[in-house]
């Protein structure tokens, strides 16, 4: 029997990782991409595109070290937060490095994916595809499927239907159809929603429009890409150290600390953005420029829309200006519970406090090993319990929203998948055998290289790549050399010492238990 054939649907960030992981496991991938190029939503196109795309000025919200694939770090001279053109270039380099193009059928749309007649015995799938050029319809029988279209494939419109939409004579578009400011010059523009897309678009338009209004129902905590000491915020925020503080310190204490830090930058109440929920009870809004645009008056924050008028809008506070549930039965947000044979996995269908590339990659590493029979899923009871527990946890933590039904913490979720395939680093052991590396794993950004240190897919350069990630982060900033640097003082030195003591005590306790 030859190697199994795996269908990959989509050649974006998740699809490319899926192809690579199939090749790593000796599987034969066949990828179907309906566009004529790779990159998914990161393939910018000025005109109308069949599918999601970034807008012209989009800059990524996660830093390069966090979003790099686990065995392909980004160049050290690249900026820490990349323009979309650089993100697309990274995907091209990744595909070229691992020869992924030869496994992709561009201009090919998947029409259907159904269980094979003998699915109960062999777990196979039958896919029908259509080529864009000649409308040819082909049929493929494969041993497994990786659905790698992500969760931005279709635009999401608010469930609330604003009265008067049919009367409004202005232009109404979704952020997915926005490309640049052209056509909005000297106009009054209303942007609904203070998420990342809404705030980015509002900021860009505020430099060209006559006035921009930004409407929000609940408000939002606004984070900056620039963190302590001018470093990328996720280099400090997405670490095992911060996750431990979040898990073991009282929520009121950690919430108070983060709120105080954000309020010192600008008072969210005075700026009309103060929400009732905490900073980590919603998906993060990242924007460095929004406060300055509000203070100069080019953006005005408004409450929710009551109705649209012919040439304007009425808000819930009676001021006037002229101008679906995502949750599914997926174990670990990947495995459909309706299947008896687990030969189909959904890749990248998460909203992460982190980056999608490493999450999609580690999902694919797990899925391909399950397809090969090298890893097994737990019992149906365990999987259902995990789904229900996560739903309850999400309900307690986040306000009800479509995006929050698939929200995950980067470190926690990566570790959960890593445990399934035996690639999670043993931090306690490393503290005694490789303290230098252990401190990096704990205190610096939880990059995907950590999951190449041990187990299947081990990558020899992983240790050195982790030890040098800070230097790669700093490299593009050092365009003017300064001889003297002030020594940086950590806010969490006391907590770090306490953690080390706990590690030592835990190790001693484990030895005593064995005696």
Protein backbone atom coordinates (compact mmCIF):
# COMPACT_ATOMS: atom_id res chain seq x y z
CA UNK A 1 0.00 0.00 0.00
CA UNK A 2 1.40 3.40 -1.04
CA UNK A 3 1.39 6.62 1.01
CA UNK A 4 -1.96 8.15 1.86
CA UNK A 5 -3.27 11.02 -0.25
CA UNK A 6 -4.52 14.07 1.69
CA UNK A 7 -6.62 16.87 0.21
CA UNK A 8 -5.81 20.38 1.46
CA UNK A 9 -8.48 23.02 0.83
CA UNK A 10 -6.91 26.48 0.58
CA UNK A 11 -3.34 27.72 0.05
CA UNK A 12 -3.23 30.52 2.61
CA UNK A 13 -1.36 30.58 5.92
CA UNK A 14 -3.03 27.39 7.14
CA UNK A 15 -2.99 25.57 3.81
CA UNK A 16 0.73 26.06 3.25
CA UNK A 17 1.45 24.66 6.71
CA UNK A 18 -0.86 21.73 5.94
CA UNK A 19 1.04 20.85 2.75
CA UNK A 20 4.40 21.09 4.53
CA UNK A 21 3.25 18.89 7.44
CA UNK A 22 1.90 16.27 5.03
CA UNK A 23 5.27 16.11 3.29
CA UNK A 24 7.06 15.87 6.65
CA UNK A 25 5.00 12.79 7.50
CA UNK A 26 5.42 11.09 4.12
CA UNK A 27 1.84 11.79 3.03
CA UNK A 28 0.92 12.95 -0.48
CA UNK A 29 -0.85 16.34 -0.39
CA UNK A 30 -3.03 17.71 -3.15
CA UNK A 31 -4.02 21.31 -2.47
CA UNK A 32 -6.96 23.06 -4.15
CA UNK A 33 -6.84 26.88 -4.25
CA UNK A 34 -9.57 28.77 -6.09
CA UNK A 35 -7.38 31.87 -6.55
CA UNK A 36 -4.47 31.98 -8.99
CA UNK A 37 -1.89 32.55 -6.26
CA UNK A 38 -1.11 31.52 -2.68
CA UNK A 39 -1.46 33.64 0.46
CA UNK A 40 -5.21 33.65 1.09
CA UNK A 41 -6.41 36.94 2.55
CA UNK A 42 -2.79 38.23 2.57
CA UNK A 43 -2.76 38.26 -1.23
CA UNK A 44 -3.75 41.89 -1.68
CA UNK A 45 -5.81 42.78 -4.73
CA UNK A 46 -7.11 46.26 -5.51
CA UNK A 47 -10.32 45.26 -7.22
CA UNK A 48 -13.08 42.92 -6.10
CA UNK A 49 -11.69 39.58 -4.99
CA UNK A 50 -13.51 36.28 -4.56
CA UNK A 51 -12.75 35.89 -0.87
CA UNK A 52 -11.27 37.92 1.96
CA UNK A 53 -8.30 40.22 1.46
CA UNK A 54 -6.37 42.79 3.46
CA UNK A 55 -6.60 46.49 2.65
CA UNK A 56 -3.76 48.49 1.15
CA UNK A 57 -2.33 49.83 4.41
CA UNK A 58 -2.71 46.67 6.54
CA UNK A 59 0.11 45.99 9.01
CA UNK A 60 0.10 42.70 10.97
CA UNK A 61 -0.77 42.85 14.68
CA UNK A 62 1.58 40.06 15.77
CA UNK A 63 5.35 40.38 15.69
CA UNK A 64 7.55 38.39 13.32
CA UNK A 65 9.03 36.09 15.98
CA UNK A 66 5.59 35.07 17.24
CA UNK A 67 4.09 34.47 13.79
CA UNK A 68 7.03 32.58 12.21
CA UNK A 69 6.58 28.93 11.33
CA UNK A 70 8.52 26.67 13.69
CA UNK A 71 11.36 25.77 11.31
CA UNK A 72 11.45 28.90 9.16
CA UNK A 73 12.24 32.08 11.13
CA UNK A 74 11.83 35.42 9.38
CA UNK A 75 14.90 37.44 8.32
CA UNK A 76 16.45 39.45 11.14
CA UNK A 77 16.46 42.68 9.09
CA UNK A 78 12.70 42.61 8.56
CA UNK A 79 10.55 44.95 10.72
CA UNK A 80 8.92 43.42 13.78
CA UNK A 81 5.42 44.25 12.55
CA UNK A 82 5.11 43.60 8.83
CA UNK A 83 3.19 45.33 6.07
CA UNK A 84 0.96 42.86 4.26
CA UNK A 85 3.34 42.77 1.27
CA UNK A 86 6.09 41.40 3.55
CA UNK A 87 3.72 38.79 5.00
CA UNK A 88 2.92 37.63 1.48
CA UNK A 89 6.64 37.55 0.64
CA UNK A 90 7.23 35.36 3.71
CA UNK A 91 4.63 32.87 2.49
CA UNK A 92 6.29 32.82 -0.96
CA UNK A 93 9.69 32.16 0.60
CA UNK A 94 8.20 29.41 2.77
CA UNK A 95 6.58 27.76 -0.25
CA UNK A 96 9.80 28.04 -2.30
CA UNK A 97 12.00 26.72 0.50
CA UNK A 98 9.94 23.55 0.96
CA UNK A 99 8.81 23.14 -2.68
CA UNK A 100 5.12 23.48 -1.89
CA UNK A 101 3.99 24.95 -5.24
CA UNK A 102 4.15 21.62 -7.05
CA UNK A 103 1.40 20.28 -4.79
CA UNK A 104 -1.05 23.17 -5.38
CA UNK A 105 -3.72 23.27 -8.09
CA UNK A 106 -4.42 26.99 -8.52
CA UNK A 107 -7.67 28.25 -10.02
CA UNK A 108 -9.47 25.17 -8.69
CA UNK A 109 -12.57 25.47 -6.55
CA UNK A 110 -13.84 22.66 -4.30
CA UNK A 111 -17.53 22.16 -5.06
CA UNK A 112 -18.21 19.37 -2.59
CA UNK A 113 -16.54 17.14 -0.05
CA UNK A 114 -18.57 14.07 0.90
CA UNK A 115 -17.88 10.79 2.63
CA UNK A 116 -16.90 7.94 0.36
CA UNK A 117 -19.40 5.11 -0.04
CA UNK A 118 -17.21 2.85 2.14
CA UNK A 119 -16.35 5.62 4.64
CA UNK A 120 -17.20 3.40 7.60
CA UNK A 121 -14.47 0.97 6.51
CA UNK A 122 -11.80 3.15 4.94
CA UNK A 123 -12.52 6.74 6.08
CA UNK A 124 -12.03 8.04 2.53
CA UNK A 125 -13.55 11.22 1.06
CA UNK A 126 -14.77 12.14 -2.43
CA UNK A 127 -14.15 15.71 -3.59
CA UNK A 128 -15.52 17.39 -6.70
CA UNK A 129 -13.51 20.32 -8.02
CA UNK A 130 -13.97 22.82 -10.84
CA UNK A 131 -11.15 24.50 -12.78
CA UNK A 132 -11.66 28.22 -13.38
CA UNK A 133 -10.15 28.29 -16.87
CA UNK A 134 -12.12 25.58 -18.64
CA UNK A 135 -14.92 24.80 -16.15
CA UNK A 136 -13.74 21.18 -16.04
CA UNK A 137 -15.20 19.20 -13.13
CA UNK A 138 -12.97 16.51 -11.64
CA UNK A 139 -13.50 13.93 -8.93
CA UNK A 140 -10.86 12.95 -6.37
CA UNK A 141 -10.91 10.15 -3.79
CA UNK A 142 -8.56 10.89 -0.89
CA UNK A 143 -7.64 9.32 2.45
CA UNK A 144 -8.03 12.51 4.48
CA UNK A 145 -8.99 16.17 4.27
CA UNK A 146 -7.50 19.30 5.86
CA UNK A 147 -9.97 22.18 5.58
CA UNK A 148 -7.61 25.16 5.72
CA UNK A 149 -9.78 28.11 4.72
CA UNK A 150 -9.57 29.85 8.12
CA UNK A 151 -12.43 31.86 9.61
CA UNK A 152 -12.21 35.02 7.48
CA UNK A 153 -13.47 33.43 4.27
CA UNK A 154 -16.94 34.96 4.50
CA UNK A 155 -17.77 38.48 5.71
CA UNK A 156 -19.66 38.75 8.99
CA UNK A 157 -22.43 41.30 9.22
CA UNK A 158 -24.00 42.37 12.53
CA UNK A 159 -27.06 40.38 13.47
CA UNK A 160 -28.75 43.68 14.24
CA UNK A 161 -30.48 45.01 11.13
CA UNK A 162 -30.33 48.79 11.39
CA UNK A 163 -33.68 50.39 10.46
CA UNK A 164 -33.50 52.75 7.51
CA UNK A 165 -30.75 50.92 5.64
CA UNK A 166 -32.90 50.87 2.51
CA UNK A 167 -33.44 54.66 2.74
CA UNK A 168 -29.80 55.64 3.16
CA UNK A 169 -28.46 57.17 -0.07
CA UNK A 170 -24.78 56.91 0.80
CA UNK A 171 -22.38 54.04 0.23
CA UNK A 172 -22.46 50.99 2.56
CA UNK A 173 -19.59 48.50 2.35
CA UNK A 174 -18.12 45.73 4.50
CA UNK A 175 -14.52 46.05 5.70
CA UNK A 176 -13.71 43.03 3.53
CA UNK A 177 -14.43 45.18 0.47
CA UNK A 178 -12.35 48.14 1.69
CA UNK A 179 -9.03 48.61 -0.12
CA UNK A 180 -7.87 52.20 0.52
CA UNK A 181 -9.04 55.75 1.27
CA UNK A 182 -9.64 56.68 -2.39
CA UNK A 183 -13.22 57.74 -2.94
CA UNK A 184 -13.70 58.79 0.70
CA UNK A 185 -11.79 62.10 0.52
CA UNK A 186 -13.59 65.07 2.15
CA UNK A 187 -16.57 62.89 3.06
CA UNK A 188 -18.22 62.22 6.41
CA UNK A 189 -17.77 58.52 7.15
CA UNK A 190 -19.26 56.24 9.80
CA UNK A 191 -17.31 53.09 10.74
CA UNK A 192 -19.29 50.56 12.79
CA UNK A 193 -17.25 48.37 15.11
CA UNK A 194 -14.09 49.09 17.11
CA UNK A 195 -12.29 45.82 16.37
CA UNK A 196 -8.96 45.74 14.57
CA UNK A 197 -10.39 46.25 11.08
CA UNK A 198 -12.78 49.00 12.17
CA UNK A 199 -10.20 50.97 14.13
CA UNK A 200 -7.52 50.58 11.40
CA UNK A 201 -9.89 51.79 8.68
CA UNK A 202 -11.13 54.68 10.84
CA UNK A 203 -7.54 55.81 11.51
CA UNK A 204 -6.59 55.68 7.84
CA UNK A 205 -9.72 57.50 6.68
CA UNK A 206 -9.29 60.19 9.35
CA UNK A 207 -6.32 61.58 7.38
CA UNK A 208 -8.42 62.01 4.23
CA UNK A 209 -12.12 62.28 5.15
CA UNK A 210 -13.79 65.45 6.40
CA UNK A 211 -14.90 63.63 9.57
CA UNK A 212 -14.86 60.02 10.78
CA UNK A 213 -17.33 58.64 13.34
CA UNK A 214 -16.47 55.34 15.02
CA UNK A 215 -19.51 53.56 16.50
CA UNK A 216 -19.16 50.96 19.25
CA UNK A 217 -21.71 49.10 21.34
CA UNK A 218 -19.47 48.03 24.21
CA UNK A 219 -16.24 49.99 23.84
CA UNK A 220 -12.81 48.37 23.87
CA UNK A 221 -9.44 48.34 25.57
CA UNK A 222 -6.92 49.56 23.02
CA UNK A 223 -3.44 48.02 23.07
CA UNK A 224 -0.36 49.36 21.32
CA UNK A 225 2.01 47.29 19.21
CA UNK A 226 4.85 49.00 21.07
CA UNK A 227 5.34 47.43 24.50
CA UNK A 228 7.73 48.09 27.43
CA UNK A 229 11.11 49.51 26.40
CA UNK A 230 9.82 49.96 22.86
CA UNK A 231 9.78 46.23 22.13
CA UNK A 232 6.88 44.40 20.44
CA UNK A 233 4.11 44.04 23.01
CA UNK A 234 3.67 40.31 22.38
CA UNK A 235 7.36 39.72 23.15
CA UNK A 236 6.33 40.39 26.76
CA UNK A 237 2.65 39.49 26.67
CA UNK A 238 2.56 36.09 24.93
CA UNK A 239 4.94 34.19 27.21
CA UNK A 240 4.68 31.21 29.54
CA UNK A 241 5.64 33.58 32.34
CA UNK A 242 2.64 35.84 31.72
CA UNK A 243 0.38 32.77 31.36
CA UNK A 244 1.53 31.54 34.79
CA UNK A 245 0.83 34.94 36.32
CA UNK A 246 -2.61 34.91 34.71
CA UNK A 247 -3.35 31.40 36.01
CA UNK A 248 -2.06 31.77 39.56
CA UNK A 249 -2.63 35.40 40.50
CA UNK A 250 -6.17 36.60 41.34
CA UNK A 251 -8.00 37.87 38.25
CA UNK A 252 -8.78 41.17 39.98
CA UNK A 253 -5.08 41.79 40.51
CA UNK A 254 -3.98 41.01 36.94
CA UNK A 255 -6.95 42.92 35.50
CA UNK A 256 -6.17 45.94 37.68
CA UNK A 257 -2.52 45.89 36.62
CA UNK A 258 -3.30 45.73 32.87
CA UNK A 259 -6.07 48.33 33.10
CA UNK A 260 -3.76 50.68 34.98
CA UNK A 261 -1.08 50.23 32.31
CA UNK A 262 -3.56 50.97 29.50
CA UNK A 263 -5.14 53.92 31.30
CA UNK A 264 -1.73 55.54 31.82
CA UNK A 265 -1.40 55.78 28.05
CA UNK A 266 -4.83 57.39 27.70
CA UNK A 267 -7.96 57.47 29.85
CA UNK A 268 -10.41 55.23 28.00
CA UNK A 269 -13.40 56.83 29.77
CA UNK A 270 -12.52 60.34 28.58
CA UNK A 271 -12.02 58.99 25.07
CA UNK A 272 -15.43 57.27 24.99
CA UNK A 273 -13.96 53.78 24.75
CA UNK A 274 -14.22 52.51 28.35
CA UNK A 275 -15.89 49.06 28.31
CA UNK A 276 -17.50 47.26 31.22
CA UNK A 277 -15.48 44.10 30.59
CA UNK A 278 -11.80 43.55 31.35
CA UNK A 279 -8.89 43.82 28.88
CA UNK A 280 -8.74 40.05 28.29
CA UNK A 281 -12.50 39.46 28.20
CA UNK A 282 -12.61 40.25 24.49
CA UNK A 283 -10.37 39.83 21.46
CA UNK A 284 -7.62 42.45 21.61
CA UNK A 285 -7.90 45.70 19.68
CA UNK A 286 -4.41 46.75 18.58
CA UNK A 287 -3.93 50.31 17.38
CA UNK A 288 -1.11 52.77 18.03
CA UNK A 289 -2.76 55.78 16.35
CA UNK A 290 -6.38 55.74 17.47
CA UNK A 291 -5.89 57.87 20.65
CA UNK A 292 -4.05 60.62 18.75
CA UNK A 293 -6.80 60.76 16.10
CA UNK A 294 -9.47 61.03 18.79
CA UNK A 295 -7.66 63.80 20.68
CA UNK A 296 -7.28 65.82 17.48
CA UNK A 297 -10.99 65.38 16.69
CA UNK A 298 -10.51 63.65 13.34
CA UNK A 299 -12.26 60.60 14.83
CA UNK A 300 -15.32 60.94 17.06
CA UNK A 301 -16.39 57.96 19.14
CA UNK A 302 -20.15 57.33 19.10
CA UNK A 303 -22.47 54.79 20.70
CA UNK A 304 -24.46 52.16 18.81
CA UNK A 305 -26.57 53.08 15.79
CA UNK A 306 -30.32 53.37 16.30
CA UNK A 307 -31.24 53.87 12.66
CA UNK A 308 -30.06 55.26 9.34
CA UNK A 309 -31.61 58.28 7.70
CA UNK A 310 -31.59 59.28 4.06
CA UNK A 311 -28.35 61.26 4.46
CA UNK A 312 -27.31 60.58 8.02
CA UNK A 313 -27.48 58.39 11.12
CA UNK A 314 -29.26 58.52 14.48
CA UNK A 315 -27.41 57.01 17.45
CA UNK A 316 -28.83 55.40 20.58
CA UNK A 317 -28.12 58.54 22.62
CA UNK A 318 -30.40 60.42 20.18
CA UNK A 319 -27.55 62.41 18.69
CA UNK A 320 -27.65 62.64 14.94
CA UNK A 321 -24.92 63.04 12.35
CA UNK A 322 -25.08 63.39 8.61
CA UNK A 323 -23.27 61.05 7.08
CA UNK A 324 -24.27 34.23 13.32
CA UNK A 325 -22.99 31.88 16.06
CA UNK A 326 -19.57 30.39 15.13
CA UNK A 327 -19.57 27.62 17.70
CA UNK A 328 -19.50 24.10 16.32
CA UNK A 329 -18.97 20.61 17.68
CA UNK A 330 -15.23 20.52 17.01
CA UNK A 331 -12.82 18.86 19.42
CA UNK A 332 -9.95 21.31 20.01
CA UNK A 333 -11.65 23.43 17.29
CA UNK A 334 -10.38 20.88 14.76
CA UNK A 335 -12.11 17.51 14.79
CA UNK A 336 -15.83 17.20 13.83
CA UNK A 337 -17.63 15.07 16.41
CA UNK A 338 -20.09 13.78 13.82
CA UNK A 339 -17.46 11.54 12.18
CA UNK A 340 -16.71 7.95 13.09
CA UNK A 341 -13.39 7.96 11.22
CA UNK A 342 -11.31 11.04 12.00
CA UNK A 343 -9.93 11.63 8.53
CA UNK A 344 -11.01 15.27 8.25
CA UNK A 345 -9.68 18.18 10.30
CA UNK A 346 -10.48 21.90 10.24
CA UNK A 347 -7.33 24.04 10.29
CA UNK A 348 -6.97 27.66 11.42
CA UNK A 349 -10.58 28.02 12.57
CA UNK A 350 -9.62 29.83 15.77
CA UNK A 351 -9.43 33.43 16.95
CA UNK A 352 -6.18 33.55 18.88
CA UNK A 353 -4.59 35.82 21.48
CA UNK A 354 -1.50 35.35 19.33
CA UNK A 355 -0.69 34.38 15.73
CA UNK A 356 -2.41 32.04 13.28
CA UNK A 357 0.68 30.64 11.49
CA UNK A 358 2.12 28.60 14.38
CA UNK A 359 -1.34 27.49 15.50
CA UNK A 360 -2.28 26.23 12.04
CA UNK A 361 1.10 24.55 11.73
CA UNK A 362 0.89 22.62 15.00
CA UNK A 363 -2.72 21.66 14.19
CA UNK A 364 -1.45 20.20 10.90
CA UNK A 365 1.39 18.37 12.64
CA UNK A 366 -1.18 16.70 14.88
CA UNK A 367 -3.69 16.00 12.11
CA UNK A 368 -1.16 14.36 9.78
CA UNK A 369 0.02 12.06 12.56
CA UNK A 370 -3.58 11.06 13.29
CA UNK A 371 -4.10 10.38 9.57
CA UNK A 372 -1.03 8.12 9.58
CA UNK A 373 -2.14 6.28 12.71
CA UNK A 374 0.83 7.57 14.75
CA UNK A 375 -1.45 9.47 17.13
CA UNK A 376 -4.94 8.69 18.40
CA UNK A 377 -7.77 10.91 19.53
CA UNK A 378 -9.24 10.29 22.99
CA UNK A 379 -12.59 8.63 23.60
CA UNK A 380 -15.79 10.27 22.47
CA UNK A 381 -16.72 11.00 26.08
CA UNK A 382 -13.42 12.83 26.73
CA UNK A 383 -13.78 14.88 23.54
CA UNK A 384 -17.38 15.92 24.29
CA UNK A 385 -16.40 16.86 27.85
CA UNK A 386 -13.55 18.99 26.53
CA UNK A 387 -15.92 20.83 24.16
CA UNK A 388 -18.46 21.50 26.91
CA UNK A 389 -15.80 22.60 29.40
CA UNK A 390 -14.37 25.06 26.89
CA UNK A 391 -17.80 26.50 26.12
CA UNK A 392 -18.46 27.09 29.81
CA UNK A 393 -15.02 28.64 30.24
CA UNK A 394 -15.54 30.96 27.27
CA UNK A 395 -18.99 31.93 28.51
CA UNK A 396 -17.60 32.94 31.88
CA UNK A 397 -14.67 34.87 30.45
CA UNK A 398 -16.01 36.63 27.34
CA UNK A 399 -19.14 38.58 26.52
CA UNK A 400 -21.42 36.87 23.98
CA UNK A 401 -20.05 37.43 20.48
CA UNK A 402 -19.52 35.45 17.28
CA UNK A 403 -15.73 35.75 17.41
CA UNK A 404 -15.49 34.65 21.04
CA UNK A 405 -16.95 31.22 20.34
CA UNK A 406 -13.60 30.23 18.78
CA UNK A 407 -11.24 32.30 20.96
CA UNK A 408 -8.09 30.60 22.29
CA UNK A 409 -5.06 31.63 24.35
CA UNK A 410 -1.92 31.16 22.26
CA UNK A 411 0.32 29.49 24.86
CA UNK A 412 -2.37 27.30 26.39
CA UNK A 413 -3.74 26.08 23.05
CA UNK A 414 -0.31 25.44 21.53
CA UNK A 415 0.67 23.43 24.61
CA UNK A 416 -2.54 21.39 24.47
CA UNK A 417 -1.86 20.34 20.87
CA UNK A 418 1.86 19.85 21.57
CA UNK A 419 1.02 17.36 24.33
CA UNK A 420 -1.01 15.31 21.85
CA UNK A 421 2.04 14.74 19.63
CA UNK A 422 4.81 14.73 22.25
CA UNK A 423 6.52 18.00 21.35
CA UNK A 424 5.80 20.14 24.43
CA UNK A 425 9.09 21.18 26.08
CA UNK A 426 9.60 20.04 29.69
CA UNK A 427 10.23 23.35 31.43
CA UNK A 428 10.92 21.83 34.86
CA UNK A 429 13.55 19.47 33.46
CA UNK A 430 15.17 22.25 31.42
CA UNK A 431 15.55 24.44 34.51
CA UNK A 432 18.05 21.88 35.81
CA UNK A 433 19.64 20.79 32.53
CA UNK A 434 19.60 23.94 30.37
CA UNK A 435 18.77 26.98 32.53
CA UNK A 436 19.66 29.48 29.78
CA UNK A 437 17.13 27.94 27.42
CA UNK A 438 14.51 27.44 30.14
CA UNK A 439 14.59 31.13 31.07
CA UNK A 440 14.06 32.05 27.42
CA UNK A 441 11.10 29.66 27.15
CA UNK A 442 9.52 31.10 30.26
CA UNK A 443 10.14 34.82 29.89
CA UNK A 444 10.31 35.55 26.17
CA UNK A 445 7.69 35.28 23.47
CA UNK A 446 6.28 31.76 23.13
CA UNK A 447 7.53 31.28 19.58
CA UNK A 448 6.77 28.13 17.62
CA UNK A 449 10.44 27.08 17.64
CA UNK A 450 9.80 25.78 21.18
CA UNK A 451 7.82 22.92 19.69
CA UNK A 452 10.76 21.71 17.58
CA UNK A 453 13.07 21.02 20.54
CA UNK A 454 11.90 17.46 21.22
CA UNK A 455 9.72 14.70 19.80
CA UNK A 456 8.52 14.10 16.23
CA UNK A 457 9.71 16.76 13.81
CA UNK A 458 12.62 17.78 16.03
CA UNK A 459 14.66 20.55 14.37
CA UNK A 460 18.32 20.85 15.40
CA UNK A 461 18.59 24.66 14.98
CA UNK A 462 15.56 25.18 17.28
CA UNK A 463 17.58 25.85 20.46
CA UNK A 464 19.84 28.43 18.84
CA UNK A 465 16.88 30.02 17.05
CA UNK A 466 15.18 30.55 20.42
CA UNK A 467 18.35 31.91 22.04
CA UNK A 468 18.77 34.44 19.22
CA UNK A 469 15.15 35.51 18.74
CA UNK A 470 15.62 38.65 20.84
CA UNK A 471 18.58 39.74 18.72
CA UNK A 472 16.48 39.27 15.56
CA UNK A 473 13.74 41.35 17.14
CA UNK A 474 16.17 44.18 18.01
CA UNK A 475 18.15 44.11 14.75
CA UNK A 476 15.78 46.21 12.57
CA UNK A 477 15.55 48.85 15.34
CA UNK A 478 19.30 49.48 15.48
CA UNK A 479 19.55 51.81 12.49
CA UNK A 480 21.45 54.32 14.64
CA UNK A 481 23.90 52.80 17.09
CA UNK A 482 23.87 54.18 20.63
CA UNK A 483 26.91 53.31 22.74
CA UNK A 484 25.23 53.16 26.13
CA UNK A 485 21.99 51.36 27.01
CA UNK A 486 20.10 51.70 30.26
CA UNK A 487 19.74 48.35 31.95
CA UNK A 488 16.16 47.17 31.72
CA UNK A 489 14.41 46.31 34.94
CA UNK A 490 11.70 43.70 34.91
CA UNK A 491 8.38 44.41 36.61
CA UNK A 492 8.14 40.73 37.51
CA UNK A 493 11.54 39.91 39.07
CA UNK A 494 9.90 38.99 42.37
CA UNK A 495 7.41 36.68 40.63
CA UNK A 496 10.23 35.08 38.67
CA UNK A 497 12.18 34.29 41.84
CA UNK A 498 9.05 32.87 43.45
CA UNK A 499 8.42 30.70 40.39
CA UNK A 500 11.97 29.31 40.52
CA UNK A 501 11.44 28.44 44.19
CA UNK A 502 8.18 26.66 43.33
CA UNK A 503 9.97 24.69 40.57
CA UNK A 504 12.67 23.56 43.01
CA UNK A 505 10.13 22.58 45.67
CA UNK A 506 8.07 20.66 43.11
CA UNK A 507 11.18 18.77 41.99
CA UNK A 508 12.10 17.90 45.59
CA UNK A 509 8.53 16.77 46.29
CA UNK A 510 8.61 14.52 43.20
CA UNK A 511 11.85 12.91 44.40
CA UNK A 512 10.39 12.30 47.88
CA UNK A 513 7.29 10.68 46.36
CA UNK A 514 9.48 8.22 44.46
CA UNK A 515 11.38 7.18 47.61
